[in-house]
Protein backbone atom coordinates (compact mmCIF):
# COMPACT_ATOMS: atom_id res chain seq x y z
CA MET A 1 4.71 -28.48 7.44
CA THR A 2 7.82 -26.79 5.74
CA GLU A 3 9.43 -23.24 6.94
CA PHE A 4 8.36 -21.77 3.97
CA GLU A 5 4.49 -22.88 4.23
CA GLU A 6 4.59 -21.34 7.57
CA ILE A 7 5.56 -18.34 6.73
CA TYR A 8 3.03 -18.68 3.41
CA ARG A 9 0.38 -19.09 6.03
CA ALA A 10 1.59 -16.44 8.38
CA TYR A 11 2.04 -13.60 6.05
CA PHE A 12 -0.37 -14.44 3.15
CA ASN A 13 -3.47 -12.57 4.03
CA ASP A 14 -1.01 -9.46 4.93
CA VAL A 15 0.80 -9.33 1.51
CA TYR A 16 -2.69 -9.65 0.06
CA LEU A 17 -5.00 -7.18 1.50
CA TYR A 18 -1.63 -4.59 0.79
CA ILE A 19 -1.88 -5.31 -2.91
CA LEU A 20 -5.89 -5.68 -2.75
CA ARG A 21 -5.37 -1.60 -1.18
CA LEU A 22 -2.82 -0.91 -4.21
CA SER A 23 -4.80 -2.91 -6.87
CA GLY A 24 -8.76 -2.80 -6.42
CA SER A 25 -9.12 -6.07 -7.85
CA GLU A 26 -9.56 -8.98 -5.29
CA VAL A 27 -8.46 -11.01 -8.79
CA LEU A 28 -5.38 -9.34 -9.33
CA ALA A 29 -4.69 -9.08 -5.85
CA GLU A 30 -4.59 -12.98 -5.75
CA GLU A 31 -2.61 -13.37 -8.57
CA ILE A 32 0.39 -10.66 -7.70
CA THR A 33 0.16 -12.14 -4.03
CA SER A 34 0.51 -15.59 -5.55
CA GLU A 35 3.35 -14.78 -8.07
CA ALA A 36 5.20 -12.96 -4.94
CA PHE A 37 4.87 -16.23 -2.88
CA PHE A 38 6.65 -18.20 -5.83
CA LYS A 39 9.81 -15.65 -6.05
CA ALA A 40 9.88 -15.48 -2.45
CA MET A 41 10.36 -19.45 -2.22
CA ARG A 42 12.86 -19.52 -4.94
CA SER A 43 14.86 -16.82 -3.18
CA ILE A 44 13.86 -17.57 0.33
CA SER A 45 17.91 -18.48 0.80
CA GLY A 46 19.13 -15.32 -0.30
CA PHE A 47 17.04 -13.25 2.72
CA ARG A 48 19.45 -12.05 5.05
CA GLY A 49 17.27 -11.08 7.89
CA ASP A 50 18.02 -7.30 7.67
CA CYS A 51 14.40 -6.33 7.72
CA ASP A 52 10.80 -8.27 9.05
CA ILE A 53 10.08 -10.77 6.67
CA ARG A 54 6.40 -9.36 5.96
CA VAL A 55 8.57 -5.94 4.79
CA TRP A 56 10.48 -8.36 2.54
CA LEU A 57 7.33 -10.17 0.78
CA CYS A 58 5.37 -6.98 0.49
CA GLN A 59 8.16 -5.64 -1.31
CA ILE A 60 8.14 -8.46 -3.72
CA ALA A 61 4.55 -8.08 -4.16
CA LYS A 62 4.73 -4.29 -4.89
CA ASN A 63 7.16 -5.03 -7.48
CA CYS A 64 5.20 -7.60 -8.81
CA TYR A 65 2.39 -5.72 -9.02
CA TYR A 66 4.15 -2.46 -10.86
CA SER A 67 5.71 -5.06 -13.42
CA HIS A 68 2.19 -6.16 -13.84
CA LEU A 69 1.32 -2.67 -14.60
CA LYS A 70 4.60 -1.69 -16.38
CA LYS A 71 3.47 -4.68 -18.83
CA LEU A 72 -0.02 -3.16 -19.22
CA GLY A 73 1.06 0.43 -19.79
CA LYS A 74 -0.26 1.76 -16.44
CA THR A 75 2.92 2.32 -14.24
CA GLU A 76 0.43 5.23 -12.81
CA ARG A 77 -2.32 3.27 -11.95
CA ILE A 78 -2.10 3.56 -8.07
CA ASP A 79 -5.50 5.62 -7.63
CA ASP A 80 -7.53 2.81 -7.67
CA SER A 81 -6.59 2.16 -3.51
CA LYS A 82 -9.28 2.89 -1.38
CA LEU A 83 -8.52 4.99 1.81
CA ARG A 84 -11.31 4.50 3.22
CA GLU A 85 -12.92 1.24 4.29
CA LEU A 86 -16.42 0.54 1.84
CA PRO A 87 -19.32 2.25 4.41
CA SER A 88 -21.98 0.06 5.82
CA GLU A 89 -24.93 -0.63 4.47
CA GLU A 90 -26.56 1.34 7.69
CA ARG A 91 -25.36 4.50 6.21
CA SER A 92 -27.86 6.63 4.09
CA ILE A 93 -27.37 6.96 0.33
CA GLU A 94 -25.85 10.64 1.21
CA GLU A 95 -23.83 9.69 3.57
CA GLN A 96 -22.29 7.02 1.19
CA VAL A 97 -21.92 9.57 -2.05
CA ILE A 98 -20.04 12.57 0.48
CA ASP A 99 -17.75 9.26 1.72
CA ARG A 100 -17.16 8.32 -1.80
CA GLU A 101 -16.57 11.95 -3.00
CA GLU A 102 -14.25 12.38 -0.09
CA ALA A 103 -12.14 9.26 -0.78
CA ALA A 104 -11.57 10.18 -4.41
CA LEU A 105 -10.52 13.73 -3.63
CA ILE A 106 -8.05 11.87 -0.86
CA ARG A 107 -7.05 9.68 -3.83
CA THR A 108 -5.99 12.71 -5.91
CA ALA A 109 -4.37 14.93 -3.02
CA LEU A 110 -2.30 11.53 -2.34
CA HIS A 111 -1.30 11.17 -6.12
CA SER A 112 0.20 14.65 -6.32
CA VAL A 113 2.52 14.51 -3.39
CA SER A 114 6.02 13.50 -4.23
CA GLU A 115 7.73 10.36 -3.26
CA PRO A 116 8.82 9.33 -0.93
CA TYR A 117 6.17 10.84 1.04
CA LYS A 118 3.37 8.87 -1.12
CA GLU A 119 4.94 5.35 -0.56
CA VAL A 120 5.52 6.02 3.03
CA PHE A 121 2.03 6.85 3.43
CA MET A 122 0.59 3.96 1.49
CA TRP A 123 2.95 1.82 3.70
CA ARG A 124 1.34 2.90 7.13
CA VAL A 125 -2.05 3.24 5.68
CA PHE A 126 -2.70 0.29 3.69
CA ALA A 127 0.12 -2.21 5.06
CA GLN A 128 -0.26 -1.02 8.84
CA MET A 129 3.15 -0.96 8.77
CA SER A 130 5.01 0.04 12.08
CA PHE A 131 7.30 3.14 11.12
CA LYS A 132 10.30 0.82 12.00
CA GLN A 133 9.14 -1.30 9.12
CA ILE A 134 8.63 1.36 6.89
CA GLY A 135 12.16 2.64 7.65
CA GLN A 136 13.78 -0.28 7.16
CA ILE A 137 12.55 -0.74 3.78
CA PHE A 138 13.96 2.63 3.00
CA GLY A 139 17.43 1.98 4.44
CA LYS A 140 16.34 5.11 7.16
CA SER A 141 15.25 5.55 10.74
CA GLU A 142 12.36 3.99 12.45
CA ASN A 143 11.85 8.29 13.61
CA TRP A 144 12.76 9.20 9.50
CA ALA A 145 9.58 7.15 8.68
CA CYS A 146 7.86 8.82 11.53
CA VAL A 147 8.57 12.54 10.11
CA THR A 148 7.96 11.82 6.33
CA TYR A 149 4.54 10.13 7.49
CA HIS A 150 3.19 12.74 9.66
CA ARG A 151 4.83 15.21 6.54
CA SER A 152 2.82 13.29 3.74
CA LYS A 153 -0.56 13.79 6.17
CA ALA A 154 0.39 17.76 6.21
CA MET A 155 0.54 17.60 2.62
CA ILE A 156 -2.54 15.59 1.82
CA LYS A 157 -4.74 17.86 4.53
CA SER A 158 -3.21 21.18 3.01
CA LYS A 159 -4.31 20.11 -0.81
CA LEU A 160 -7.41 18.82 0.72
CA GLU A 161 -8.07 22.49 2.30
CA ASP A 162 -6.67 24.13 -0.60
CA LYS A 163 -10.17 25.29 -2.33
CA SER A 164 -8.76 26.23 -5.48
CA TYR A 165 -7.26 22.32 -5.98
CA GLU A 166 -10.75 20.74 -5.68
CA LYS A 167 -11.88 22.12 -8.79
């Protein structure tokens, strides 16, 4: 097995899940993840090791996803991603409806948050990256990533608590 095959096997699922969260589409996530690994394979010699390879692969995938959206003319379409796991079948219909309504409010609040707060929040929640990895993406410190993440959470919480925002 080649070194790139090992990388593919080790990180495909992480990249796929990240793009699935961004796109909300299994088919699109598979397509974008495959494209990202193809691009990574062509440029692996240029990988300097300045960051975790998982971060590098997710960056390539994110760029592929945004390029895809740009081609479709939908560069702002990130709100399809879900902030919560799908409800279990054991939950009542009422609980499921409430969860979906809350998730929609959270998505709306998230997308009203400015950059870099929105992206840091998404890297942390959707890709489950460490603050160190997020800091590497932005060329900043681990502490910067942590502070930015907590500020983004506070912004989202504040928007959700603002009763006029819900309407």
